[in-house]
Amino acid sequence: MTTDACIIGSGHTKFGRLQETLEELIIMAGREALAESEVDPADIDAVFLGHFNAGLVADGFPSSLIHQIDPAFRFKPATRCENACASGSAAIHAGLNLMAAGKARNVLVIGVEKMTHRSTPEVTTALASAGYHYDPAEDGLSFPQLFALAAQQYNERFGDQMDVLAKIAAKNHSNAMKNPLAQMHKEMPYEFCREVSEKNPLIAPPLRLSDCSLVSDGAAAVVLSTKAGAGASAKKRVRFGAAEHVSDFLPLSRRMISDFEGPERAIRMAYQAAGITVDDLDFAEVHDCFTPAELMTYEAMGLAPKGKGARAIDEGRVLADGATPVNLSGGLKAKGHPVGATGVSMHALSYRQLTGQAGDMQRSDASCGLVFNMGGAAVANYASVLFADRT
């Protein structure tokens, strides 16, 4: 990774049930990021698009749609990146790697997904295609079932955590109330989240509806640059201190999912590359596709010892006013989870935090943030450390 890689602009549609087409979402987010960066489209050297799809839409060649953003994009190289729910971060890493190779100075990265026009069973089937299908014990498992297994395993090892998971859900819904781009603007109190009820049924025992992220449409974009490009004169700039990628075995039979070894390795590598510890973080945006994932990420981050992740929320550290707030945006749980957009959204909103543009979500004087985006059940793990660059 080039050491002067930075984000100099962001774009972000609202997440939720949207009327816009995939093409329109790409155009909206891309144009907003370009406008903020003040980079002429003619000076963009390449575009990368994060998009999972898996049959969700008929667009099998969506990277070609970026050319509709501006006529100057004609003949610019455009590539789709797919790595399950981490497709957005895969696209960001592709852009960083191209710049590190000296093949680009300015790169536009867009993440997008269109999901809500499909039924819940259709979306569940599409997402399940990111699981392992060569073992009868795993073939056909949905992602709610996979993370239910993780929750069961964690509970058996460390004691029942369902009340803790309810606290995580309630926290993220509360945070989303301050995010105008979030899909869910509805408080879900801890008392509601902890109880199984008609409005909060079991989805995959022990996981309740309140433990599961949302089916969403949306897009996000960032402009990446270096000092050889527009990064040298950008008005707002956030520097990559680290960008690490670790992939683990896909079959659950090859690993103990509740150890979250891939996420921990990626995050610790990012800390080392950036020269920081967890105590240097002002905030983190992490992949809470299901509440057990956020709980286990607390431990992977080093906020609590293995099996003691509950401490991070029980002691208030990860709350909005805590020492290390996690998912100020509302996270996937309440902001929404348009799969290909998620990793780019995390980076875009972290950029806004670090440039003082986060509105009601703003963390005062934030200077260092962590992004953790995950594809599959802790299989593709991407961790970025971002620094405010106010020079």
Protein backbone atom coordinates (compact mmCIF):
# COMPACT_ATOMS: atom_id res chain seq x y z
CA MET A 1 0.00 0.00 0.00
CA THR A 2 1.30 3.45 -0.91
CA THR A 3 1.87 5.39 2.29
CA ASP A 4 0.33 8.63 1.00
CA ALA A 5 -2.98 7.13 -0.13
CA CYS A 6 -5.92 9.21 1.00
CA ILE A 7 -9.64 9.81 0.60
CA ILE A 8 -10.48 13.27 -0.74
CA GLY A 9 -14.21 13.05 -1.44
CA SER A 10 -17.28 11.01 -0.56
CA GLY A 11 -20.74 10.30 -1.87
CA HIS A 12 -23.58 8.45 -0.16
CA THR A 13 -27.21 7.87 -1.06
CA LYS A 14 -29.80 7.18 1.56
CA PHE A 15 -30.07 3.48 2.40
CA GLY A 16 -33.43 1.72 2.40
CA ARG A 17 -36.21 0.78 0.00
CA LEU A 18 -35.37 3.08 -2.91
CA GLN A 19 -37.03 3.69 -6.27
CA GLU A 20 -33.78 4.41 -8.11
CA THR A 21 -32.27 1.82 -10.43
CA LEU A 22 -28.81 0.35 -9.94
CA GLU A 23 -27.51 2.70 -12.64
CA GLU A 24 -29.09 5.75 -11.01
CA LEU A 25 -27.62 4.86 -7.60
CA ILE A 26 -24.15 4.50 -9.13
CA ILE A 27 -24.46 7.88 -10.82
CA MET A 28 -25.78 9.65 -7.70
CA ALA A 29 -23.01 8.46 -5.37
CA GLY A 30 -20.25 8.84 -7.96
CA ARG A 31 -21.16 12.41 -8.89
CA GLU A 32 -21.41 13.48 -5.25
CA ALA A 33 -17.94 12.11 -4.46
CA LEU A 34 -16.43 13.76 -7.53
CA ALA A 35 -18.04 17.10 -6.69
CA GLU A 36 -16.68 17.09 -3.15
CA SER A 37 -13.20 16.07 -4.28
CA GLU A 38 -13.17 18.78 -6.97
CA VAL A 39 -11.40 16.32 -9.25
CA ASP A 40 -12.23 16.73 -12.92
CA PRO A 41 -13.66 13.41 -14.20
CA ALA A 42 -11.04 13.56 -16.96
CA ASP A 43 -8.38 13.26 -14.22
CA ILE A 44 -9.78 10.02 -12.78
CA ASP A 45 -7.44 7.24 -13.91
CA ALA A 46 -9.63 4.23 -13.04
CA VAL A 47 -12.93 3.24 -11.46
CA PHE A 48 -13.66 0.20 -9.29
CA LEU A 49 -17.18 -0.95 -8.45
CA GLY A 50 -18.04 -3.11 -5.43
CA HIS A 51 -21.15 -5.20 -6.22
CA PHE A 52 -22.19 -8.62 -4.93
CA ASN A 53 -25.36 -9.25 -7.01
CA ALA A 54 -25.62 -13.12 -6.96
CA GLY A 55 -28.77 -12.85 -9.06
CA LEU A 56 -30.33 -9.95 -7.14
CA VAL A 57 -30.40 -7.87 -10.34
CA ALA A 58 -30.12 -8.63 -14.04
CA ASP A 59 -27.10 -6.33 -14.43
CA GLY A 60 -24.24 -8.76 -14.93
CA PHE A 61 -21.83 -6.10 -16.19
CA PRO A 62 -22.37 -3.16 -13.82
CA SER A 63 -18.84 -1.74 -14.04
CA SER A 64 -19.80 -0.47 -17.49
CA LEU A 65 -22.52 1.69 -15.94
CA ILE A 66 -19.99 4.07 -14.36
CA HIS A 67 -19.44 5.66 -17.77
CA GLN A 68 -22.87 7.27 -17.42
CA ILE A 69 -21.54 9.48 -14.61
CA ASP A 70 -19.73 11.80 -17.02
CA PRO A 71 -18.81 11.72 -20.73
CA ALA A 72 -15.13 12.09 -19.74
CA PHE A 73 -15.28 8.57 -18.30
CA ARG A 74 -15.45 7.06 -21.77
CA PHE A 75 -12.43 4.76 -22.27
CA LYS A 76 -11.51 4.92 -18.56
CA PRO A 77 -10.77 1.42 -17.18
CA ALA A 78 -13.62 0.20 -14.98
CA THR A 79 -13.66 -3.07 -13.04
CA ARG A 80 -16.22 -4.81 -10.83
CA CYS A 81 -14.94 -6.30 -7.56
CA GLU A 82 -16.82 -9.05 -5.70
CA ASN A 83 -15.97 -10.55 -2.32
CA ALA A 84 -19.36 -11.26 -0.75
CA CYS A 85 -20.35 -8.63 1.84
CA ALA A 86 -16.84 -7.16 1.64
CA SER A 87 -17.14 -6.33 -2.08
CA GLY A 88 -16.97 -2.61 -1.30
CA SER A 89 -13.70 -2.91 0.59
CA ALA A 90 -12.35 -5.19 -2.14
CA ALA A 91 -12.98 -2.35 -4.59
CA ILE A 92 -11.20 0.12 -2.32
CA HIS A 93 -8.19 -2.19 -2.01
CA ALA A 94 -8.10 -2.59 -5.80
CA GLY A 95 -7.88 1.18 -6.10
CA LEU A 96 -5.19 1.43 -3.42
CA ASN A 97 -3.17 -1.33 -5.07
CA LEU A 98 -3.36 0.33 -8.48
CA MET A 99 -2.08 3.58 -6.99
CA ALA A 100 0.66 1.74 -5.09
CA ALA A 101 1.77 0.18 -8.38
CA GLY A 102 2.11 3.64 -9.89
CA LYS A 103 -0.62 2.95 -12.44
CA ALA A 104 -3.05 5.58 -11.13
CA ARG A 105 -3.04 8.88 -9.25
CA ASN A 106 -6.79 9.39 -8.76
CA VAL A 107 -9.34 6.55 -8.47
CA LEU A 108 -13.10 6.59 -8.03
CA VAL A 109 -14.55 3.71 -5.99
CA ILE A 110 -18.28 3.03 -5.84
CA GLY A 111 -20.18 0.36 -3.91
CA VAL A 112 -23.78 -0.44 -4.79
CA GLU A 113 -26.57 -2.95 -4.29
CA LYS A 114 -30.23 -3.16 -5.22
CA MET A 115 -32.05 -5.72 -3.04
CA THR A 116 -35.49 -4.67 -1.84
CA HIS A 117 -37.33 -5.50 -5.09
CA ARG A 118 -36.69 -9.16 -4.27
CA SER A 119 -38.67 -11.14 -1.69
CA THR A 120 -37.04 -12.06 1.61
CA PRO A 121 -36.64 -15.74 0.54
CA GLU A 122 -35.03 -14.64 -2.74
CA VAL A 123 -32.58 -12.34 -0.92
CA THR A 124 -31.79 -15.07 1.61
CA THR A 125 -31.04 -17.53 -1.21
CA ALA A 126 -28.83 -15.03 -3.03
CA LEU A 127 -26.80 -14.24 0.08
CA ALA A 128 -26.51 -17.94 0.95
CA SER A 129 -24.57 -18.43 -2.28
CA ALA A 130 -21.62 -16.94 -0.38
CA GLY A 131 -21.58 -19.97 1.92
CA TYR A 132 -19.87 -23.36 1.52
CA HIS A 133 -21.75 -25.84 -0.64
CA TYR A 134 -19.45 -28.90 -0.71
CA ASP A 135 -20.38 -30.23 2.73
CA PRO A 136 -23.94 -31.50 3.28
CA ALA A 137 -23.83 -30.13 6.84
CA GLU A 138 -23.30 -26.59 5.54
CA ASP A 139 -24.94 -26.62 2.14
CA GLY A 140 -28.23 -24.75 2.26
CA LEU A 141 -27.51 -22.86 5.48
CA SER A 142 -28.68 -19.25 5.32
CA PHE A 143 -26.55 -16.49 6.82
CA PRO A 144 -28.95 -16.06 9.76
CA GLN A 145 -28.41 -19.78 10.41
CA LEU A 146 -24.63 -19.45 10.10
CA PHE A 147 -24.47 -16.63 12.64
CA ALA A 148 -26.99 -18.46 14.82
CA LEU A 149 -24.43 -21.27 14.94
CA ALA A 150 -21.78 -18.72 15.91
CA ALA A 151 -24.02 -17.40 18.69
CA GLN A 152 -24.76 -20.92 19.94
CA GLN A 153 -21.07 -21.79 19.95
CA TYR A 154 -20.16 -18.57 21.77
CA ASN A 155 -22.93 -19.07 24.36
CA GLU A 156 -21.82 -22.65 25.01
CA ARG A 157 -18.21 -21.54 25.55
CA PHE A 158 -18.69 -18.30 27.44
CA GLY A 159 -22.22 -18.25 28.82
CA ASP A 160 -25.51 -16.89 27.51
CA GLN A 161 -25.07 -13.54 25.75
CA MET A 162 -28.57 -12.88 24.43
CA ASP A 163 -29.10 -9.87 26.72
CA VAL A 164 -25.78 -8.45 25.51
CA LEU A 165 -26.84 -8.90 21.89
CA ALA A 166 -30.04 -7.00 22.68
CA LYS A 167 -27.96 -4.13 24.08
CA ILE A 168 -25.89 -4.04 20.86
CA ALA A 169 -29.02 -3.89 18.71
CA ALA A 170 -30.55 -1.13 20.85
CA LYS A 171 -27.31 0.88 20.75
CA ASN A 172 -27.09 0.80 16.98
CA HIS A 173 -30.72 1.73 16.48
CA SER A 174 -30.22 4.66 18.86
CA ASN A 175 -27.14 5.78 16.90
CA ALA A 176 -29.00 5.57 13.60
CA MET A 177 -31.49 8.16 14.82
CA LYS A 178 -28.74 10.75 14.25
CA ASN A 179 -27.88 9.47 10.75
CA PRO A 180 -30.15 11.00 8.08
CA LEU A 181 -28.91 8.42 5.56
CA ALA A 182 -29.86 5.42 7.70
CA GLN A 183 -32.63 3.06 6.66
CA MET A 184 -34.16 2.71 10.14
CA HIS A 185 -35.12 5.82 12.08
CA LYS A 186 -36.87 3.96 14.84
CA GLU A 187 -35.73 3.39 18.39
CA MET A 188 -35.62 -0.27 19.40
CA PRO A 189 -35.20 -0.27 23.17
CA TYR A 190 -33.22 -2.95 24.91
CA GLU A 191 -36.42 -4.24 26.53
CA PHE A 192 -37.93 -4.86 23.08
CA CYS A 193 -34.76 -6.39 21.60
CA ARG A 194 -34.24 -8.90 24.40
CA GLU A 195 -37.72 -10.44 24.23
CA VAL A 196 -39.06 -12.82 21.60
CA SER A 197 -42.45 -11.50 20.55
CA GLU A 198 -44.81 -11.26 17.62
CA LYS A 199 -42.97 -8.15 16.44
CA ASN A 200 -39.55 -9.58 17.31
CA PRO A 201 -39.76 -13.27 16.33
CA LEU A 202 -36.98 -15.82 16.28
CA ILE A 203 -35.41 -15.86 12.81
CA ALA A 204 -32.79 -18.55 13.40
CA PRO A 205 -32.67 -19.57 17.07
CA PRO A 206 -31.30 -18.02 19.17
CA LEU A 207 -31.22 -14.96 16.87
CA ARG A 208 -34.24 -12.69 16.91
CA LEU A 209 -35.33 -10.29 14.18
CA SER A 210 -33.66 -7.50 16.16
CA ASP A 211 -30.33 -9.35 15.87
CA CYS A 212 -30.35 -9.26 12.06
CA SER A 213 -29.28 -6.52 9.63
CA LEU A 214 -31.57 -5.09 6.98
CA VAL A 215 -32.31 -5.79 3.33
CA SER A 216 -31.36 -2.53 1.65
CA ASP A 217 -30.78 -0.56 -1.52
CA GLY A 218 -28.07 2.09 -1.74
CA ALA A 219 -24.71 3.27 -2.97
CA ALA A 220 -21.63 4.99 -1.59
CA ALA A 221 -18.49 6.34 -3.22
CA VAL A 222 -15.05 7.70 -2.38
CA VAL A 223 -12.34 9.37 -4.43
CA LEU A 224 -8.89 7.99 -3.63
CA SER A 225 -5.74 9.87 -4.45
CA THR A 226 -2.04 10.31 -3.74
CA LYS A 227 0.27 13.29 -3.50
CA ALA A 228 1.15 12.64 -7.13
CA GLY A 229 -2.49 13.36 -7.93
CA ALA A 230 -5.23 15.53 -6.52
CA GLY A 231 -4.37 14.48 -2.98
CA ALA A 232 -1.60 17.06 -2.85
CA SER A 233 -3.98 20.01 -3.09
CA ALA A 234 -7.21 18.52 -1.72
CA LYS A 235 -9.14 20.75 0.69
CA LYS A 236 -10.21 17.78 2.79
CA ARG A 237 -8.03 14.71 3.12
CA VAL A 238 -8.08 11.54 5.21
CA ARG A 239 -4.98 9.36 5.12
CA PHE A 240 -4.84 5.57 5.10
CA GLY A 241 -2.58 4.49 7.94
CA ALA A 242 -3.24 0.88 7.01
CA ALA A 243 -5.37 -1.28 4.77
CA GLU A 244 -5.11 -5.01 5.47
CA HIS A 245 -6.91 -8.03 3.99
CA VAL A 246 -7.00 -11.54 5.47
CA SER A 247 -9.00 -14.45 4.06
CA ASP A 248 -9.81 -17.57 6.09
CA PHE A 249 -11.19 -21.01 5.25
CA LEU A 250 -14.74 -20.98 3.90
CA PRO A 251 -15.87 -24.30 5.49
CA LEU A 252 -16.89 -23.90 9.13
CA SER A 253 -15.50 -27.39 9.76
CA ARG A 254 -11.98 -25.99 9.27
CA ARG A 255 -12.20 -23.39 12.05
CA MET A 256 -14.02 -22.30 15.21
CA ILE A 257 -16.07 -19.33 14.07
CA SER A 258 -16.51 -17.89 17.57
CA ASP A 259 -12.75 -17.33 17.76
CA PHE A 260 -13.07 -14.77 14.92
CA GLU A 261 -9.44 -15.40 13.99
CA GLY A 262 -9.59 -13.78 10.55
CA PRO A 263 -11.06 -10.51 11.83
CA GLU A 264 -8.61 -10.41 14.72
CA ARG A 265 -5.63 -11.02 12.45
CA ALA A 266 -6.70 -8.34 9.95
CA ILE A 267 -7.37 -5.75 12.66
CA ARG A 268 -4.13 -6.45 14.55
CA MET A 269 -2.15 -6.26 11.28
CA ALA A 270 -3.78 -2.89 10.61
CA TYR A 271 -2.85 -1.61 14.07
CA GLN A 272 0.75 -2.68 13.55
CA ALA A 273 1.01 -1.14 10.09
CA ALA A 274 -0.47 2.14 11.33
CA GLY A 275 1.64 2.18 14.49
CA ILE A 276 -1.33 2.40 16.86
CA THR A 277 -3.14 0.44 19.54
CA VAL A 278 -6.86 0.11 20.16
CA ASP A 279 -6.60 2.94 22.68
CA ASP A 280 -5.68 5.38 19.89
CA LEU A 281 -9.02 4.88 18.12
CA ASP A 282 -11.60 7.65 18.38
CA PHE A 283 -14.30 5.47 16.77
CA ALA A 284 -14.84 2.33 14.70
CA GLU A 285 -17.29 1.31 11.98
CA VAL A 286 -17.54 -2.48 12.05
CA HIS A 287 -19.47 -5.22 10.27
CA ASP A 288 -22.50 -6.00 12.44
CA CYS A 289 -24.43 -8.07 9.91
CA PHE A 290 -25.75 -9.90 12.97
CA THR A 291 -25.30 -8.78 16.56
CA PRO A 292 -22.95 -11.70 17.47
CA ALA A 293 -20.56 -10.37 14.81
CA GLU A 294 -20.26 -7.03 16.61
CA LEU A 295 -19.80 -8.75 19.96
CA MET A 296 -16.97 -10.91 18.61
CA THR A 297 -15.44 -7.91 16.83
CA TYR A 298 -15.06 -6.16 20.21
CA GLU A 299 -12.71 -8.97 21.16
CA ALA A 300 -10.95 -8.97 17.77
CA MET A 301 -10.32 -5.24 18.22
CA GLY A 302 -8.81 -5.78 21.66
CA LEU A 303 -11.58 -3.92 23.51
CA ALA A 304 -12.05 -6.96 25.76
CA PRO A 305 -10.47 -10.39 26.31
CA LYS A 306 -11.78 -13.48 24.52
CA GLY A 307 -15.17 -14.42 25.89
CA LYS A 308 -15.50 -11.07 27.69
CA GLY A 309 -16.75 -8.89 24.84
CA ALA A 310 -19.80 -7.94 26.90
CA ARG A 311 -17.57 -5.69 28.99
CA ALA A 312 -17.15 -3.29 26.07
CA ILE A 313 -20.84 -2.40 26.08
CA ASP A 314 -21.64 -3.04 29.75
CA GLU A 315 -18.91 -0.59 30.78
CA GLY A 316 -20.01 1.95 28.15
CA ARG A 317 -16.82 2.02 26.07
CA VAL A 318 -18.54 1.41 22.71
CA LEU A 319 -21.51 3.72 23.33
CA ALA A 320 -21.81 7.01 21.44
CA ASP A 321 -20.33 8.93 24.39
CA GLY A 322 -17.83 6.21 25.30
CA ALA A 323 -14.07 6.09 24.82
CA THR A 324 -14.31 4.05 21.59
CA PRO A 325 -17.79 4.38 20.07
CA VAL A 326 -18.63 1.62 17.63
CA ASN A 327 -21.03 2.13 14.71
CA LEU A 328 -21.99 5.75 15.28
CA SER A 329 -23.72 5.45 11.88
CA GLY A 330 -26.11 2.81 13.19
CA GLY A 331 -24.08 0.05 11.55
CA LEU A 332 -25.48 -2.52 9.17
CA LYS A 333 -28.07 -3.25 11.84
CA ALA A 334 -29.88 0.08 11.47
CA LYS A 335 -28.10 2.11 8.77
CA GLY A 336 -28.75 -0.77 6.34
CA HIS A 337 -26.71 -3.32 4.44
CA PRO A 338 -26.80 -2.97 0.63
CA VAL A 339 -24.10 -5.60 0.36
CA GLY A 340 -21.75 -4.17 -2.27
CA ALA A 341 -22.08 -0.66 -0.83
CA THR A 342 -21.33 -1.50 2.80
CA GLY A 343 -17.52 -1.37 2.77
CA VAL A 344 -17.47 1.86 0.78
CA SER A 345 -20.13 3.36 3.07
CA MET A 346 -17.97 2.60 6.12
CA HIS A 347 -15.02 4.41 4.56
CA ALA A 348 -17.15 7.32 3.29
CA LEU A 349 -18.77 7.96 6.68
CA SER A 350 -15.43 7.57 8.48
CA TYR A 351 -13.99 10.15 6.07
CA ARG A 352 -16.82 12.48 7.07
CA GLN A 353 -16.11 11.85 10.77
CA LEU A 354 -12.45 12.67 10.31
CA THR A 355 -13.15 15.84 8.31
CA GLY A 356 -15.79 17.14 10.73
CA GLN A 357 -18.71 16.57 8.35
CA ALA A 358 -20.66 13.93 10.28
CA GLY A 359 -23.42 16.22 11.52
CA ASP A 360 -25.26 14.89 14.55
CA MET A 361 -23.08 11.75 14.42
CA GLN A 362 -19.90 13.79 14.84
CA ARG A 363 -17.33 12.58 17.34
CA SER A 364 -15.59 15.67 18.69
CA ASP A 365 -12.01 16.10 17.41
CA ALA A 366 -11.90 12.61 15.87
CA SER A 367 -8.46 11.96 14.42
CA CYS A 368 -8.20 8.16 14.10
CA GLY A 369 -10.79 5.58 13.08
CA LEU A 370 -11.02 1.88 12.31
CA VAL A 371 -13.08 0.32 9.52
CA PHE A 372 -13.73 -3.42 9.62
CA ASN A 373 -15.70 -4.99 6.75
CA MET A 374 -16.29 -8.73 6.47
CA GLY A 375 -17.36 -11.04 3.66
CA GLY A 376 -19.04 -14.31 4.57
CA ALA A 377 -18.87 -15.69 8.09
CA ALA A 378 -15.49 -14.11 8.97
CA VAL A 379 -13.95 -15.31 5.69
CA ALA A 380 -12.89 -12.17 3.78
CA ASN A 381 -11.71 -9.67 6.38
CA TYR A 382 -10.70 -6.08 5.56
CA ALA A 383 -9.39 -3.61 8.14
CA SER A 384 -8.45 0.01 7.51
CA VAL A 385 -6.99 2.57 9.88
CA LEU A 386 -7.78 6.11 8.81
CA PHE A 387 -6.15 9.32 10.06
CA ALA A 388 -7.39 12.88 9.84
CA ASP A 389 -4.93 14.94 7.78
CA ARG A 390 -5.42 18.55 8.78
CA THR A 391 -2.10 19.85 7.47
